[in-house]
């Protein structure tokens, strides 16, 4: 094989994965932008106590965090591992918010809902939402 052929193969080996990573960078940024929009809706629904809508929206964040964790983006191996751990933490924290929101939704349907307990659960939901936002901010600050 001549020198030119070997150089073309070497360049293809280097640049094809890089172009795929750059493409996935754009896709990851779009998913993160979508998450930002979803989090604004979740905040409004926390205030309005529309926990059925929160559950639907939090499923979007859970789905996006799963997709993001599997993407091959343009980072060093160490950075990529940190990025993936942030995506997994986002998924876990979003799942916690979903569980609390489902619990609140269920309790609201009971006619004998305990008001102090409901207030406590709403506070817990807000705290879990804060953890979701904090995870996004940590990742954004490290990788933007």
Protein backbone atom coordinates (compact mmCIF):
# COMPACT_ATOMS: atom_id res chain seq x y z
CA UNK A 1 0.00 0.00 0.00
CA UNK A 2 1.46 3.32 -0.92
CA UNK A 3 2.02 6.22 1.43
CA UNK A 4 -0.96 8.27 0.16
CA UNK A 5 -3.41 5.41 0.80
CA UNK A 6 -2.09 4.91 4.33
CA UNK A 7 -2.43 8.64 5.04
CA UNK A 8 -6.03 8.68 3.78
CA UNK A 9 -6.92 5.72 5.98
CA UNK A 10 -5.24 7.34 9.00
CA UNK A 11 -7.10 10.59 8.39
CA UNK A 12 -10.40 8.74 8.03
CA UNK A 13 -9.79 6.89 11.30
CA UNK A 14 -9.17 10.20 13.08
CA UNK A 15 -11.74 12.48 11.46
CA UNK A 16 -14.80 10.24 11.05
CA UNK A 17 -15.16 9.72 14.83
CA UNK A 18 -14.52 13.45 15.39
CA UNK A 19 -17.26 14.44 12.95
CA UNK A 20 -19.63 11.98 14.66
CA UNK A 21 -18.73 13.48 18.04
CA UNK A 22 -19.33 17.01 16.74
CA UNK A 23 -22.70 15.92 15.37
CA UNK A 24 -23.61 14.43 18.73
CA UNK A 25 -22.38 17.60 20.45
CA UNK A 26 -25.10 19.49 18.57
CA UNK A 27 -27.71 16.88 19.42
CA UNK A 28 -26.71 16.94 23.11
CA UNK A 29 -26.95 20.75 23.16
CA UNK A 30 -30.42 20.55 21.63
CA UNK A 31 -31.57 18.03 24.25
CA UNK A 32 -30.14 20.23 27.01
CA UNK A 33 -31.95 23.25 25.57
CA UNK A 34 -35.16 21.24 25.51
CA UNK A 35 -34.54 20.29 29.16
CA UNK A 36 -34.22 23.98 30.02
CA UNK A 37 -37.66 24.64 28.48
CA UNK A 38 -39.14 21.64 30.29
CA UNK A 39 -37.71 22.79 33.64
CA UNK A 40 -39.46 26.13 33.25
CA UNK A 41 -42.77 24.29 32.77
CA UNK A 42 -42.04 22.08 35.78
CA UNK A 43 -41.42 25.14 37.96
CA UNK A 44 -44.73 26.66 36.91
CA UNK A 45 -46.51 23.36 37.52
CA UNK A 46 -44.92 23.00 40.96
CA UNK A 47 -46.32 26.40 41.86
CA UNK A 48 -49.74 25.59 40.41
CA UNK A 49 -49.66 22.06 41.90
CA UNK A 50 -50.22 20.32 38.57
CA UNK A 51 -48.28 17.20 39.45
CA UNK A 52 -49.79 15.16 36.62
CA UNK A 53 -48.11 17.56 34.18
CA UNK A 54 -44.85 17.43 36.14
CA UNK A 55 -44.76 13.65 35.71
CA UNK A 56 -45.11 13.99 31.93
CA UNK A 57 -42.41 16.65 31.74
CA UNK A 58 -40.00 14.88 34.07
CA UNK A 59 -40.23 11.83 31.81
CA UNK A 60 -38.78 14.01 29.04
CA UNK A 61 -35.79 14.94 31.22
CA UNK A 62 -35.27 11.30 32.21
CA UNK A 63 -35.36 10.25 28.55
CA UNK A 64 -32.98 13.04 27.52
CA UNK A 65 -30.52 12.21 30.30
CA UNK A 66 -30.46 8.57 29.15
CA UNK A 67 -29.78 9.67 25.56
CA UNK A 68 -27.12 12.18 26.59
CA UNK A 69 -25.29 9.60 28.71
CA UNK A 70 -24.95 7.35 25.65
CA UNK A 71 -23.71 10.03 23.26
CA UNK A 72 -20.18 10.14 21.99
CA UNK A 73 -19.34 13.80 22.34
CA UNK A 74 -16.13 15.71 21.69
CA UNK A 75 -14.44 15.45 25.12
CA UNK A 76 -11.34 13.81 26.55
CA UNK A 77 -11.98 10.34 28.03
CA UNK A 78 -11.80 11.78 31.58
CA UNK A 79 -14.16 14.63 30.73
CA UNK A 80 -16.53 12.23 29.00
CA UNK A 81 -16.67 10.03 32.10
CA UNK A 82 -17.49 13.07 34.26
CA UNK A 83 -20.11 14.19 31.73
CA UNK A 84 -21.73 10.75 31.78
CA UNK A 85 -21.81 10.72 35.57
CA UNK A 86 -23.59 14.10 35.52
CA UNK A 87 -26.14 12.67 33.06
CA UNK A 88 -26.74 9.66 35.34
CA UNK A 89 -27.10 11.91 38.38
CA UNK A 90 -29.58 14.06 36.47
CA UNK A 91 -31.57 10.96 35.62
CA UNK A 92 -31.60 9.78 39.24
CA UNK A 93 -32.62 13.16 40.60
CA UNK A 94 -35.34 13.50 37.99
CA UNK A 95 -36.66 10.05 38.91
CA UNK A 96 -36.81 11.14 42.56
CA UNK A 97 -38.92 14.15 41.57
CA UNK A 98 -41.19 11.89 39.54
CA UNK A 99 -41.75 9.56 42.51
CA UNK A 100 -42.68 12.47 44.80
CA UNK A 101 -44.96 14.00 42.16
CA UNK A 102 -46.74 10.69 41.65
CA UNK A 103 -47.16 10.40 45.42
CA UNK A 104 -48.64 13.91 45.63
CA UNK A 105 -50.94 13.21 42.69
CA UNK A 106 -52.17 10.05 44.40
CA UNK A 107 -52.67 11.78 47.76
CA UNK A 108 -54.60 14.64 46.14
CA UNK A 109 -57.09 12.13 44.77
CA UNK A 110 -57.82 10.87 48.28
CA UNK A 111 -60.64 12.81 49.87
CA UNK A 112 -59.00 12.58 53.29
CA UNK A 113 -55.64 14.02 52.28
CA UNK A 114 -53.64 15.15 55.29
CA UNK A 115 -52.92 18.87 54.65
CA UNK A 116 -49.68 19.09 56.71
CA UNK A 117 -48.38 15.95 55.00
CA UNK A 118 -49.29 17.39 51.59
CA UNK A 119 -47.43 20.62 52.43
CA UNK A 120 -44.40 18.57 53.41
CA UNK A 121 -44.54 16.57 50.17
CA UNK A 122 -44.77 19.77 48.12
CA UNK A 123 -41.65 21.04 49.90
CA UNK A 124 -39.89 17.76 49.14
CA UNK A 125 -40.90 18.02 45.48
CA UNK A 126 -39.48 21.54 45.34
CA UNK A 127 -36.23 20.32 46.91
CA UNK A 128 -35.94 17.54 44.33
CA UNK A 129 -36.59 20.02 41.56
CA UNK A 130 -33.76 22.13 42.99
CA UNK A 131 -31.47 19.09 42.78
CA UNK A 132 -32.39 18.62 39.10
CA UNK A 133 -31.60 22.26 38.38
CA UNK A 134 -28.37 22.09 40.40
CA UNK A 135 -27.20 19.10 38.39
CA UNK A 136 -27.81 20.96 35.14
CA UNK A 137 -25.94 24.00 36.44
CA UNK A 138 -22.94 21.92 37.63
CA UNK A 139 -22.64 20.23 34.24
CA UNK A 140 -23.16 23.48 32.34
CA UNK A 141 -20.50 25.27 34.39
CA UNK A 142 -17.97 22.51 33.82
CA UNK A 143 -18.55 21.82 30.12
CA UNK A 144 -19.81 24.97 28.43
